[in-house]
Amino acid sequence: MPQEVLEASKRSKAVEVHSPAQKGEAELVAMLREVALSLASPDDADEFSAPFARFGDARVVLLGEASHGTSEFYRARAAITRRLIEDHGFNIVAVEADWPDASRVDRYVRHRPGGQYDEHVFARFPTWMWRNRQFARFVEWLRYRNDALPVERQVEFRGLDVYSLRNSIAEVLNYLAKADPEAAALARRRYGCLSPFQVEPQWYGRAVLMGERDPCEDAVATQLEELLQRRLDKADDEDLFDATRNAKVVQAAEQYYRLMFRGSTQSWNMRDTHMFETLQSVLDARGPQAKIVVWAHNSHIGDASATEMGWEGQHNIGQLCKQAYGDACVTIGFGTDHGTVAAADDWDEPVQFKTILPSRQGSFESLFHQAGQSPSLTHLHASPKLRQALSEPRLERAIGVVYRPDTELQSHYFKARLLDQFDAYVWFDQTTAVTPLPTDPPHGTPETFPFGL
């Protein structure tokens, strides 16, 4: 970051304390400075991750990020996840990504046929989110570790998201073509309802809303039910499990694109409900010893009921997991003050390396910046006094795959109660952008819908 920007930031935050509100903020900064646990660099994975061993007894650990393009967040999550896998028996890693692409990576890290992590995987916008050098190192570590283990002890890799209508249809049909050609022909007819919209599925929702098209809801639900019935007879068939989850994605995507034109709250809730149900399905399939680490944006893994999102009727994975698993679920948020980030100006535009503006005065990020402990881990329930101070709503920043510094307050800040949103918070004062890897973009219009998070 240019030196003059940093100096301006320091001057703007070097405010004399006169008012009660300013005095209260100074006291909170002092508390954060006292309770924040200094961390090693995430490049020293063993030392960095040691303090996170206290979360090893959980069944679900949700690791956030304040942006989708920050190197430190990926490296930190990799180090923490390695610790949880090696020392605490975690055996599933699930990420905010599409099931079909993640399934290919799962086959790659578990040395199964059809596995790959190359330029053809995660090749749609935003490609840098899961095709970056930092994440690639973790994938290779996972593959190396699994190679020495029996199948039943290997770590799975799963995708939770809903944005793969076309690819998921193709995966269901590919499976059935091999397992039961007659069933494949029937599935092809059922999915034919969606065929005109596979390239641009958002227009399916518009056509249904305008009465120009009957919904495909019954057809895709029937196809899912048929595959679920097959699973009753072949519970250990991994290829069938994969096909069934893809059929579930098709059903969820059909609902999602219908809801998209009815309002952002309904479509957001549908998406996060699907991700939560996918998380539950992979836990159930693994059995009672299953333990999962989830990588997703803060806006998904922090309890939405403690944020402006939740106050407006939205829920997310973090909230649903807390309700389902209680103390067996741990949510860890991540934050930064300034640096660089990989992000686009708008949806489906090229990645850029952008400068992150210093955090706004009075925001949670500003408090951690003033506390001066970086990198650090803060247990947000460390003391009654800290819990009371952090329970007040403040601004919090969220950068997704789109970053608009010119309208940052309107585009990227929302109010939240950090105490109730996360159990712990990882802070990096200055951060750097991820290093994207080459991809081979598929032909046709991306089938994702422009949510920035």
Protein backbone atom coordinates (compact mmCIF):
# COMPACT_ATOMS: atom_id res chain seq x y z
CA MET A 1 0.00 0.00 0.00
CA PRO A 2 1.35 3.50 -0.79
CA GLN A 3 3.02 5.09 2.25
CA GLU A 4 0.87 8.23 2.03
CA VAL A 5 -2.29 6.10 2.32
CA LEU A 6 -0.96 4.39 5.44
CA GLU A 7 0.05 7.68 7.00
CA ALA A 8 -3.39 9.14 6.28
CA SER A 9 -4.95 6.09 7.88
CA LYS A 10 -2.82 6.48 11.01
CA ARG A 11 -3.66 10.16 11.26
CA SER A 12 -7.38 9.48 10.88
CA LYS A 13 -7.25 6.95 13.71
CA ALA A 14 -5.01 8.92 16.06
CA VAL A 15 -7.98 10.68 17.63
CA GLU A 16 -7.83 12.20 21.09
CA VAL A 17 -10.35 10.60 23.39
CA HIS A 18 -12.83 13.12 24.71
CA SER A 19 -16.37 11.73 24.42
CA PRO A 20 -17.70 8.76 26.44
CA ALA A 21 -18.07 6.80 23.21
CA GLN A 22 -14.44 7.42 22.28
CA LYS A 23 -13.32 6.53 25.78
CA GLY A 24 -15.30 3.30 25.59
CA GLU A 25 -13.65 2.46 22.29
CA ALA A 26 -10.19 3.05 23.75
CA GLU A 27 -11.00 0.73 26.64
CA LEU A 28 -12.20 -1.96 24.21
CA VAL A 29 -9.00 -1.62 22.18
CA ALA A 30 -7.01 -2.10 25.39
CA MET A 31 -9.02 -5.23 26.21
CA LEU A 32 -8.46 -6.66 22.75
CA ARG A 33 -4.74 -5.95 23.04
CA GLU A 34 -4.68 -7.82 26.33
CA VAL A 35 -6.63 -10.95 25.30
CA ALA A 36 -5.39 -11.36 21.70
CA LEU A 37 -3.05 -14.33 21.39
CA SER A 38 -0.10 -13.64 19.09
CA LEU A 39 0.33 -16.18 16.30
CA ALA A 40 3.28 -17.28 14.22
CA SER A 41 3.23 -16.86 10.45
CA PRO A 42 0.83 -19.30 8.76
CA ASP A 43 3.83 -20.44 6.71
CA ASP A 44 5.03 -22.11 9.91
CA ALA A 45 1.97 -24.37 9.91
CA ASP A 46 2.80 -26.30 13.09
CA GLU A 47 3.45 -23.28 15.27
CA PHE A 48 0.66 -21.16 13.80
CA SER A 49 -1.97 -23.88 14.26
CA ALA A 50 -1.00 -25.01 17.77
CA PRO A 51 -3.47 -22.67 19.59
CA PHE A 52 -6.34 -24.04 17.47
CA ALA A 53 -5.97 -27.47 19.05
CA ARG A 54 -8.47 -26.32 21.67
CA PHE A 55 -11.20 -26.66 19.01
CA GLY A 56 -10.32 -30.28 18.28
CA ASP A 57 -13.20 -31.75 20.27
CA ALA A 58 -15.79 -30.09 18.02
CA ARG A 59 -17.53 -32.05 15.29
CA VAL A 60 -17.97 -29.07 12.96
CA VAL A 61 -15.38 -26.30 12.61
CA LEU A 62 -16.31 -23.43 10.29
CA LEU A 63 -13.38 -21.33 9.05
CA GLY A 64 -14.28 -18.02 7.46
CA GLU A 65 -12.58 -15.35 5.38
CA ALA A 66 -13.23 -11.63 5.00
CA SER A 67 -12.58 -11.83 1.26
CA HIS A 68 -12.37 -14.54 -1.42
CA GLY A 69 -8.97 -13.40 -2.66
CA THR A 70 -6.61 -13.12 0.33
CA SER A 71 -3.50 -15.29 0.58
CA GLU A 72 -3.21 -15.19 4.37
CA PHE A 73 -6.74 -16.53 4.85
CA TYR A 74 -6.08 -19.55 2.63
CA ARG A 75 -2.71 -20.29 4.23
CA ALA A 76 -4.13 -19.93 7.73
CA ARG A 77 -7.10 -22.20 7.02
CA ALA A 78 -4.76 -24.78 5.50
CA ALA A 79 -2.57 -24.78 8.61
CA ILE A 80 -5.55 -25.02 10.97
CA THR A 81 -7.16 -27.78 8.91
CA ARG A 82 -3.94 -29.79 8.85
CA ARG A 83 -3.80 -29.62 12.66
CA LEU A 84 -7.42 -30.73 12.99
CA ILE A 85 -6.90 -33.61 10.56
CA GLU A 86 -3.61 -34.87 11.94
CA ASP A 87 -4.26 -34.52 15.66
CA HIS A 88 -8.03 -34.52 16.10
CA GLY A 89 -9.50 -36.95 13.58
CA PHE A 90 -11.24 -34.56 11.19
CA ASN A 91 -11.93 -36.49 8.00
CA ILE A 92 -13.97 -34.19 5.74
CA VAL A 93 -13.05 -30.82 4.24
CA ALA A 94 -15.97 -28.98 2.61
CA VAL A 95 -15.74 -25.66 0.82
CA GLU A 96 -17.93 -22.97 -0.72
CA ALA A 97 -17.65 -24.50 -4.20
CA ASP A 98 -19.63 -26.57 -6.69
CA TRP A 99 -20.12 -30.27 -6.01
CA PRO A 100 -18.98 -31.61 -9.45
CA ASP A 101 -15.65 -29.75 -9.44
CA ALA A 102 -15.02 -30.59 -5.79
CA SER A 103 -15.84 -34.23 -6.56
CA ARG A 104 -13.04 -34.35 -9.13
CA VAL A 105 -10.66 -32.92 -6.53
CA ASP A 106 -11.94 -35.46 -4.00
CA ARG A 107 -11.10 -38.27 -6.42
CA TYR A 108 -7.68 -36.71 -6.94
CA VAL A 109 -6.78 -36.42 -3.25
CA ARG A 110 -8.13 -39.91 -2.53
CA HIS A 111 -6.38 -41.47 -5.54
CA ARG A 112 -9.61 -42.63 -7.15
CA PRO A 113 -10.30 -42.89 -10.91
CA GLY A 114 -11.31 -39.66 -12.64
CA GLY A 115 -9.56 -37.38 -10.16
CA GLN A 116 -7.99 -34.12 -11.24
CA TYR A 117 -6.91 -30.73 -10.00
CA ASP A 118 -5.88 -28.94 -13.16
CA GLU A 119 -6.87 -26.04 -15.42
CA HIS A 120 -10.23 -27.68 -16.20
CA VAL A 121 -11.41 -27.72 -12.56
CA PHE A 122 -13.01 -24.62 -11.02
CA ALA A 123 -12.67 -23.03 -14.45
CA ARG A 124 -15.70 -20.75 -14.21
CA PHE A 125 -15.77 -17.30 -12.62
CA PRO A 126 -14.41 -16.70 -10.02
CA THR A 127 -11.59 -19.00 -11.06
CA TRP A 128 -9.05 -17.62 -8.57
CA MET A 129 -11.20 -18.63 -5.61
CA TRP A 130 -10.22 -22.32 -5.79
CA ARG A 131 -7.59 -22.16 -8.52
CA ASN A 132 -4.79 -20.38 -6.68
CA ARG A 133 -1.30 -21.32 -5.59
CA GLN A 134 -2.10 -21.19 -1.87
CA PHE A 135 -5.03 -23.60 -2.12
CA ALA A 136 -3.15 -25.86 -4.55
CA ARG A 137 -0.50 -26.48 -1.90
CA PHE A 138 -3.18 -27.70 0.49
CA VAL A 139 -4.68 -29.98 -2.17
CA GLU A 140 -1.27 -31.55 -2.80
CA TRP A 141 -0.70 -32.01 0.94
CA LEU A 142 -4.06 -33.74 1.26
CA ARG A 143 -3.28 -36.05 -1.66
CA TYR A 144 0.13 -36.91 -0.19
CA ARG A 145 -1.30 -37.63 3.26
CA ASN A 146 -4.13 -39.79 1.95
CA ASP A 147 -1.72 -41.89 -0.10
CA ALA A 148 -0.34 -43.53 3.03
CA LEU A 149 -3.73 -44.29 4.58
CA PRO A 150 -6.32 -47.03 4.09
CA VAL A 151 -9.49 -45.91 2.29
CA GLU A 152 -11.58 -45.74 5.45
CA ARG A 153 -9.17 -43.24 7.04
CA GLN A 154 -8.66 -40.95 4.06
CA VAL A 155 -9.93 -37.37 4.17
CA GLU A 156 -12.74 -36.42 1.78
CA PHE A 157 -13.04 -33.14 -0.10
CA ARG A 158 -16.55 -31.84 -0.84
CA GLY A 159 -18.27 -28.84 -2.42
CA LEU A 160 -21.35 -27.34 -0.79
CA ASP A 161 -22.67 -24.83 -3.31
CA VAL A 162 -25.65 -24.79 -5.65
CA TYR A 163 -24.22 -23.22 -8.82
CA SER A 164 -23.69 -26.22 -11.11
CA LEU A 165 -26.97 -26.95 -12.85
CA ARG A 166 -25.50 -27.98 -16.20
CA ASN A 167 -22.54 -29.95 -14.81
CA SER A 168 -24.65 -31.72 -12.21
CA ILE A 169 -27.18 -32.82 -14.84
CA ALA A 170 -24.30 -34.17 -16.92
CA GLU A 171 -22.89 -36.10 -13.95
CA VAL A 172 -26.25 -37.74 -13.17
CA LEU A 173 -26.69 -38.78 -16.80
CA ASN A 174 -23.11 -40.07 -17.04
CA TYR A 175 -23.59 -42.25 -13.98
CA LEU A 176 -26.90 -43.69 -15.16
CA ALA A 177 -25.58 -44.30 -18.69
CA LYS A 178 -23.12 -46.77 -17.16
CA ALA A 179 -25.31 -48.17 -14.40
CA ASP A 180 -28.73 -48.36 -16.09
CA PRO A 181 -29.15 -47.09 -19.68
CA GLU A 182 -32.96 -47.27 -19.49
CA ALA A 183 -32.96 -45.12 -16.36
CA ALA A 184 -30.56 -42.74 -18.11
CA ALA A 185 -33.00 -42.29 -20.98
CA LEU A 186 -35.79 -41.52 -18.54
CA ALA A 187 -33.62 -39.06 -16.61
CA ARG A 188 -32.70 -37.33 -19.87
CA ARG A 189 -36.40 -36.79 -20.62
CA ARG A 190 -37.05 -35.44 -17.14
CA TYR A 191 -34.14 -33.03 -17.29
CA GLY A 192 -35.19 -32.04 -20.80
CA CYS A 193 -37.49 -29.51 -19.15
CA LEU A 194 -34.37 -27.57 -18.14
CA SER A 195 -32.37 -28.12 -21.33
CA PRO A 196 -33.14 -24.75 -22.95
CA PHE A 197 -31.81 -22.98 -19.85
CA GLN A 198 -28.64 -24.91 -19.01
CA VAL A 199 -26.37 -22.22 -20.42
CA GLU A 200 -28.27 -19.32 -18.84
CA PRO A 201 -30.35 -20.83 -16.02
CA GLN A 202 -31.34 -17.45 -14.62
CA TRP A 203 -33.71 -17.09 -17.58
CA TYR A 204 -35.54 -20.21 -16.43
CA GLY A 205 -36.61 -18.40 -13.28
CA ARG A 206 -37.75 -15.40 -15.28
CA ALA A 207 -39.73 -17.55 -17.72
CA VAL A 208 -41.54 -19.34 -14.85
CA LEU A 209 -42.25 -16.08 -13.05
CA MET A 210 -43.69 -14.52 -16.22
CA GLY A 211 -45.86 -17.56 -16.88
CA GLU A 212 -43.99 -18.37 -20.08
CA ARG A 213 -42.84 -21.75 -18.82
CA ASP A 214 -44.19 -24.41 -16.47
CA PRO A 215 -41.83 -25.16 -13.58
CA CYS A 216 -39.65 -28.28 -13.78
CA GLU A 217 -39.96 -28.86 -10.04
CA ASP A 218 -41.82 -32.19 -10.17
CA ALA A 219 -39.56 -33.74 -12.81
CA VAL A 220 -36.29 -33.01 -10.98
CA ALA A 221 -37.78 -34.07 -7.63
CA THR A 222 -38.87 -37.40 -9.11
CA GLN A 223 -35.39 -38.01 -10.49
CA LEU A 224 -33.84 -37.32 -7.09
CA GLU A 225 -36.28 -39.64 -5.36
CA GLU A 226 -35.39 -42.44 -7.76
CA LEU A 227 -31.69 -42.10 -7.04
CA LEU A 228 -32.32 -41.92 -3.29
CA GLN A 229 -34.25 -45.18 -3.56
CA ARG A 230 -31.28 -46.77 -5.31
CA ARG A 231 -29.05 -45.67 -2.43
CA LEU A 232 -31.18 -47.65 0.02
CA ASP A 233 -29.91 -50.79 -1.70
CA LYS A 234 -26.33 -49.58 -2.31
CA ALA A 235 -25.43 -47.39 0.64
CA ASP A 236 -21.67 -47.92 0.15
CA ASP A 237 -21.58 -47.10 -3.57
CA GLU A 238 -19.56 -43.87 -3.79
CA ASP A 239 -20.39 -43.27 -7.43
CA LEU A 240 -24.09 -43.52 -6.63
CA PHE A 241 -23.65 -41.17 -3.66
CA ASP A 242 -21.98 -38.68 -6.00
CA ALA A 243 -24.79 -38.98 -8.54
CA THR A 244 -27.41 -38.55 -5.82
CA ARG A 245 -25.78 -35.39 -4.53
CA ASN A 246 -25.65 -34.04 -8.08
CA ALA A 247 -29.37 -34.77 -8.46
CA LYS A 248 -29.91 -32.84 -5.23
CA VAL A 249 -27.92 -29.91 -6.68
CA VAL A 250 -30.17 -29.96 -9.77
CA GLN A 251 -33.25 -29.83 -7.55
CA ALA A 252 -31.79 -27.02 -5.44
CA ALA A 253 -30.66 -25.06 -8.50
CA GLU A 254 -34.13 -25.34 -10.05
CA GLN A 255 -35.59 -23.86 -6.87
CA TYR A 256 -32.84 -21.25 -6.60
CA TYR A 257 -33.32 -19.84 -10.08
CA ARG A 258 -37.09 -19.65 -9.57
CA LEU A 259 -36.61 -17.77 -6.30
CA MET A 260 -33.92 -15.49 -7.69
CA PHE A 261 -36.45 -13.17 -9.28
CA ARG A 262 -38.64 -13.07 -6.17
CA GLY A 263 -36.01 -11.45 -3.95
CA SER A 264 -32.48 -11.77 -2.63
CA THR A 265 -33.55 -12.98 0.82
CA GLN A 266 -35.39 -16.03 -0.48
CA SER A 267 -32.63 -17.04 -2.89
CA TRP A 268 -29.90 -16.45 -0.27
CA ASN A 269 -31.77 -18.58 2.28
CA MET A 270 -32.35 -21.33 -0.27
CA ARG A 271 -28.65 -21.38 -1.19
CA ASP A 272 -27.38 -21.54 2.40
CA THR A 273 -30.01 -24.12 3.35
CA HIS A 274 -28.75 -26.30 0.49
CA MET A 275 -25.15 -25.88 1.65
CA PHE A 276 -26.11 -26.83 5.21
CA GLU A 277 -28.06 -29.88 4.05
CA THR A 278 -25.11 -30.95 1.90
CA LEU A 279 -22.86 -30.63 4.95
CA GLN A 280 -25.24 -32.86 6.89
CA SER A 281 -25.41 -35.41 4.07
CA VAL A 282 -21.64 -35.87 3.90
CA LEU A 283 -21.45 -36.18 7.69
CA ASP A 284 -24.23 -38.79 7.67
CA ALA A 285 -22.62 -40.73 4.82
CA ARG A 286 -19.29 -40.88 6.67
CA GLY A 287 -20.91 -42.15 9.85
CA PRO A 288 -20.78 -41.34 13.57
CA GLN A 289 -17.01 -40.72 13.54
CA ALA A 290 -17.31 -37.98 10.89
CA LYS A 291 -15.79 -34.59 11.70
CA ILE A 292 -15.84 -31.74 9.19
CA VAL A 293 -13.93 -28.52 8.50
CA VAL A 294 -15.73 -25.96 6.32
CA TRP A 295 -14.06 -23.14 4.37
CA ALA A 296 -16.47 -20.36 3.37
CA HIS A 297 -16.88 -16.60 3.60
CA ASN A 298 -17.51 -14.97 6.97
CA SER A 299 -20.98 -14.05 5.74
CA HIS A 300 -21.80 -17.77 5.42
CA ILE A 301 -20.10 -19.24 8.49
CA GLY A 302 -20.78 -16.55 11.09
CA ASP A 303 -24.18 -16.79 12.78
CA ALA A 304 -26.44 -14.64 10.59
CA SER A 305 -28.82 -13.95 13.49
CA ALA A 306 -26.09 -11.67 14.91
CA THR A 307 -25.83 -9.60 11.73
CA GLU A 308 -27.79 -7.13 9.67
CA MET A 309 -28.45 -10.00 7.25
CA GLY A 310 -30.27 -11.95 9.92
CA TRP A 311 -32.16 -8.94 11.19
CA GLU A 312 -33.57 -8.63 7.66
CA GLY A 313 -34.68 -12.27 7.51
CA GLN A 314 -31.67 -14.09 6.08
CA HIS A 315 -30.03 -17.17 7.59
CA ASN A 316 -26.80 -18.99 6.76
CA ILE A 317 -24.72 -22.13 7.32
CA GLY A 318 -23.28 -20.86 10.57
CA GLN A 319 -26.66 -20.17 12.12
CA LEU A 320 -28.09 -23.52 10.98
CA CYS A 321 -25.03 -25.40 12.26
CA LYS A 322 -25.21 -23.69 15.64
CA GLN A 323 -28.86 -24.65 15.92
CA ALA A 324 -28.16 -28.26 14.89
CA TYR A 325 -24.86 -28.98 16.66
CA GLY A 326 -24.68 -26.47 19.51
CA ASP A 327 -21.34 -26.49 21.31
CA ALA A 328 -20.06 -29.17 18.91
CA CYS A 329 -19.90 -26.42 16.27
CA VAL A 330 -17.16 -23.78 16.33
CA THR A 331 -17.20 -20.68 14.11
CA ILE A 332 -13.96 -18.79 13.48
CA GLY A 333 -14.05 -15.48 11.60
CA PHE A 334 -11.13 -13.77 9.83
CA GLY A 335 -10.40 -10.10 9.31
CA THR A 336 -7.89 -7.58 7.92
CA ASP A 337 -7.33 -3.83 7.90
CA HIS A 338 -5.45 -3.13 4.66
CA GLY A 339 -3.36 -4.69 1.91
CA THR A 340 -4.15 -6.17 -1.49
CA VAL A 341 -6.83 -8.57 -2.69
CA ALA A 342 -7.69 -10.52 -5.83
CA ALA A 343 -11.18 -9.40 -6.91
CA ALA A 344 -13.12 -8.15 -9.90
CA ASP A 345 -14.89 -4.87 -10.63
CA ASP A 346 -18.10 -6.74 -11.40
CA TRP A 347 -19.44 -10.24 -11.87
CA ASP A 348 -17.76 -12.28 -14.63
CA GLU A 349 -15.05 -9.66 -15.21
CA PRO A 350 -11.30 -10.32 -15.10
CA VAL A 351 -9.51 -10.65 -11.79
CA GLN A 352 -7.53 -7.62 -10.64
CA PHE A 353 -5.16 -7.00 -7.76
CA LYS A 354 -6.79 -4.25 -5.79
CA THR A 355 -5.74 -2.17 -2.81
CA ILE A 356 -7.90 -2.70 0.28
CA LEU A 357 -8.75 0.61 1.90
CA PRO A 358 -7.88 1.02 5.60
CA SER A 359 -10.87 0.07 7.74
CA ARG A 360 -13.44 2.67 8.72
CA GLN A 361 -13.23 4.34 12.11
CA GLY A 362 -15.51 2.62 14.62
CA SER A 363 -15.65 -0.69 12.75
CA PHE A 364 -14.56 -3.97 14.31
CA GLU A 365 -11.63 -4.01 11.90
CA SER A 366 -10.55 -0.59 13.13
CA LEU A 367 -10.57 -1.83 16.74
CA PHE A 368 -8.34 -4.81 15.93
CA HIS A 369 -6.07 -2.56 13.88
CA GLN A 370 -5.62 -0.22 16.84
CA ALA A 371 -4.99 -3.15 19.16
CA GLY A 372 -1.90 -3.85 17.08
CA GLN A 373 -1.67 -7.63 17.52
CA SER A 374 -1.07 -9.33 14.17
CA PRO A 375 -1.44 -12.11 13.37
CA SER A 376 -3.55 -12.99 16.36
CA LEU A 377 -6.33 -15.23 17.64
CA THR A 378 -8.99 -13.75 19.91
CA HIS A 379 -11.39 -15.91 21.88
CA LEU A 380 -14.40 -13.62 21.84
CA HIS A 381 -15.82 -15.01 25.08
CA ALA A 382 -12.55 -14.57 26.99
CA SER A 383 -14.04 -12.46 29.77
CA PRO A 384 -17.44 -11.09 30.85
CA LYS A 385 -16.19 -7.55 30.30
CA LEU A 386 -15.03 -8.31 26.77
CA ARG A 387 -18.27 -10.14 26.00
CA GLN A 388 -20.27 -7.11 27.08
CA ALA A 389 -18.12 -4.71 25.04
CA LEU A 390 -18.29 -6.84 21.88
CA SER A 391 -22.04 -7.39 22.10
CA GLU A 392 -22.78 -3.91 20.75
CA PRO A 393 -23.44 -3.76 16.98
CA ARG A 394 -20.67 -2.21 14.88
CA LEU A 395 -19.71 -2.03 11.24
CA GLU A 396 -17.97 -5.07 9.76
CA ARG A 397 -16.45 -5.39 6.28
CA ALA A 398 -17.14 -8.15 3.75
CA ILE A 399 -15.28 -8.36 0.43
CA GLY A 400 -16.45 -11.06 -1.93
CA VAL A 401 -15.30 -11.80 -5.48
CA VAL A 402 -16.29 -8.22 -6.34
CA TYR A 403 -14.61 -5.28 -4.59
CA ARG A 404 -15.69 -1.68 -5.15
CA PRO A 405 -13.49 0.65 -3.06
CA ASP A 406 -15.24 3.75 -4.43
CA THR A 407 -18.51 2.70 -2.77
CA GLU A 408 -17.02 0.63 0.01
CA LEU A 409 -19.32 1.79 2.83
CA GLN A 410 -22.48 0.99 0.88
CA SER A 411 -21.11 -2.08 -0.92
CA HIS A 412 -19.04 -3.86 1.69
CA TYR A 413 -19.98 -2.86 5.24
CA PHE A 414 -22.83 -4.15 7.37
CA LYS A 415 -23.65 -4.10 11.07
CA ALA A 416 -23.03 -7.10 13.30
CA ARG A 417 -22.47 -8.25 16.87
CA LEU A 418 -19.11 -9.96 16.59
CA LEU A 419 -19.50 -11.73 19.93
CA ASP A 420 -22.57 -13.66 18.77
CA GLN A 421 -21.40 -14.04 15.19
CA PHE A 422 -18.20 -15.99 15.91
CA ASP A 423 -16.61 -18.00 18.70
CA ALA A 424 -13.13 -16.77 17.78
CA TYR A 425 -11.53 -14.28 15.40
CA VAL A 426 -8.26 -14.45 13.48
CA TRP A 427 -6.66 -11.11 12.62
CA PHE A 428 -4.11 -10.19 9.96
CA ASP A 429 -3.50 -6.45 9.94
CA GLN A 430 -1.99 -6.36 6.45
CA THR A 431 -2.80 -8.99 3.83
CA THR A 432 -1.85 -9.87 0.26
CA ALA A 433 -3.71 -11.19 -2.76
CA VAL A 434 -3.78 -14.86 -3.71
CA THR A 435 -1.77 -16.01 -6.71
CA PRO A 436 -4.21 -17.29 -9.39
CA LEU A 437 -3.38 -20.41 -11.39
CA PRO A 438 -4.09 -20.86 -15.11
CA THR A 439 -7.53 -22.16 -16.08
CA ASP A 440 -9.18 -23.33 -19.27
CA PRO A 441 -12.52 -21.49 -19.26
CA PRO A 442 -15.40 -23.61 -20.61
CA HIS A 443 -17.46 -22.39 -23.54
CA GLY A 444 -20.80 -20.71 -22.93
CA THR A 445 -22.14 -18.27 -20.40
CA PRO A 446 -21.30 -18.97 -16.74
CA GLU A 447 -24.19 -20.61 -14.94
CA THR A 448 -23.51 -18.84 -11.67
CA PHE A 449 -25.57 -15.93 -10.45
CA PRO A 450 -23.76 -12.79 -9.32
CA PHE A 451 -23.62 -13.01 -5.57
CA GLY A 452 -20.37 -11.42 -4.47
CA LEU A 453 -20.05 -13.67 -1.42
